[in-house]
Amino acid sequence: MAGLELAEVILAVIVGTLAAIVYSLRVLIMLERRVASMEQNIQRITSRVLKEEGVIEKMMVTKKSSSRKKTTKHKKR
């Protein structure tokens, strides 16, 4: 009888260890999904910032070109 009880304890420890491994994998998958979601949000924000930088650069170029036109009009030879 003592041998059977020992086998049951060993089996319970093995099953518990496997359950802990499965739970850990579940947690890792959930964390990976969260990180992937964060990466997507960062990419969206980065693309928006890049577009906004392009708009600002175009505004700067148009301001410079308009100021150049004004200065060339004032300078007559």
Protein backbone atom coordinates (compact mmCIF):
# COMPACT_ATOMS: atom_id res chain seq x y z
CA MET A 1 0.00 0.00 0.00
CA ALA A 2 2.81 2.44 0.80
CA GLY A 3 4.21 1.99 -2.71
CA LEU A 4 0.86 2.93 -4.25
CA GLU A 5 0.60 6.09 -2.16
CA LEU A 6 4.12 7.12 -3.16
CA ALA A 7 3.26 6.58 -6.84
CA GLU A 8 0.15 8.75 -6.42
CA VAL A 9 2.21 11.55 -4.86
CA ILE A 10 4.79 11.35 -7.65
CA LEU A 11 2.03 11.37 -10.27
CA ALA A 12 0.38 14.37 -8.60
CA VAL A 13 3.70 16.26 -8.62
CA ILE A 14 4.20 15.49 -12.31
CA VAL A 15 0.67 16.58 -13.20
CA GLY A 16 1.07 19.75 -11.14
CA THR A 17 4.36 20.55 -12.88
CA LEU A 18 2.77 20.08 -16.30
CA ALA A 19 -0.14 22.30 -15.31
CA ALA A 20 2.29 25.01 -14.19
CA ILE A 21 4.13 24.79 -17.52
CA VAL A 22 0.88 25.11 -19.48
CA TYR A 23 -0.19 28.11 -17.39
CA SER A 24 3.20 29.76 -17.89
CA LEU A 25 2.91 29.31 -21.65
CA ARG A 26 -0.55 30.85 -21.55
CA VAL A 27 0.78 33.89 -19.70
CA LEU A 28 3.67 34.22 -22.15
CA ILE A 29 1.28 34.16 -25.11
CA MET A 30 -0.88 36.84 -23.51
CA LEU A 31 2.18 39.03 -22.90
CA GLU A 32 3.38 38.51 -26.46
CA ARG A 33 0.01 39.66 -27.78
CA ARG A 34 0.19 42.78 -25.62
CA VAL A 35 3.70 43.57 -26.84
CA ALA A 36 2.58 43.06 -30.45
CA SER A 37 -0.30 45.46 -29.86
CA MET A 38 2.09 48.03 -28.39
CA GLU A 39 4.37 47.67 -31.40
CA GLN A 40 1.45 48.30 -33.74
CA ASN A 41 0.48 51.42 -31.82
CA ILE A 42 4.07 52.68 -31.91
CA GLN A 43 4.18 52.12 -35.68
CA ARG A 44 0.94 54.05 -36.14
CA ILE A 45 2.19 56.94 -34.05
CA THR A 46 5.51 56.95 -35.89
CA SER A 47 3.80 57.07 -39.28
CA ARG A 48 1.60 59.96 -38.10
CA VAL A 49 4.63 61.87 -36.86
CA LEU A 50 6.42 61.23 -40.15
CA LYS A 51 3.45 62.56 -42.11
CA GLU A 52 3.27 65.61 -39.88
CA GLU A 53 7.00 66.23 -40.38
CA GLY A 54 6.45 66.13 -44.13
CA VAL A 55 3.67 68.68 -43.84
CA ILE A 56 5.85 70.95 -41.69
CA GLU A 57 8.76 70.65 -44.11
CA LYS A 58 6.50 71.58 -47.02
CA MET A 59 5.26 74.60 -45.07
CA MET A 60 8.84 75.64 -44.34
CA VAL A 61 9.79 75.31 -48.00
CA THR A 62 6.79 77.33 -49.16
CA LYS A 63 7.53 80.06 -46.59
CA LYS A 64 11.15 80.23 -47.71
CA SER A 65 10.21 80.36 -51.38
CA SER A 66 7.58 83.06 -50.78
CA SER A 67 10.05 85.14 -48.77
CA ARG A 68 12.61 84.76 -51.56
CA LYS A 69 10.08 85.94 -54.11
CA LYS A 70 9.32 88.98 -52.01
CA THR A 71 12.97 89.90 -51.65
CA THR A 72 13.65 89.46 -55.36
CA LYS A 73 10.75 91.73 -56.23
CA HIS A 74 12.16 94.52 -54.06
CA LYS A 75 15.60 94.30 -55.57
CA LYS A 76 15.46 95.81 -59.06
CA ARG A 77 18.56 96.64 -61.05
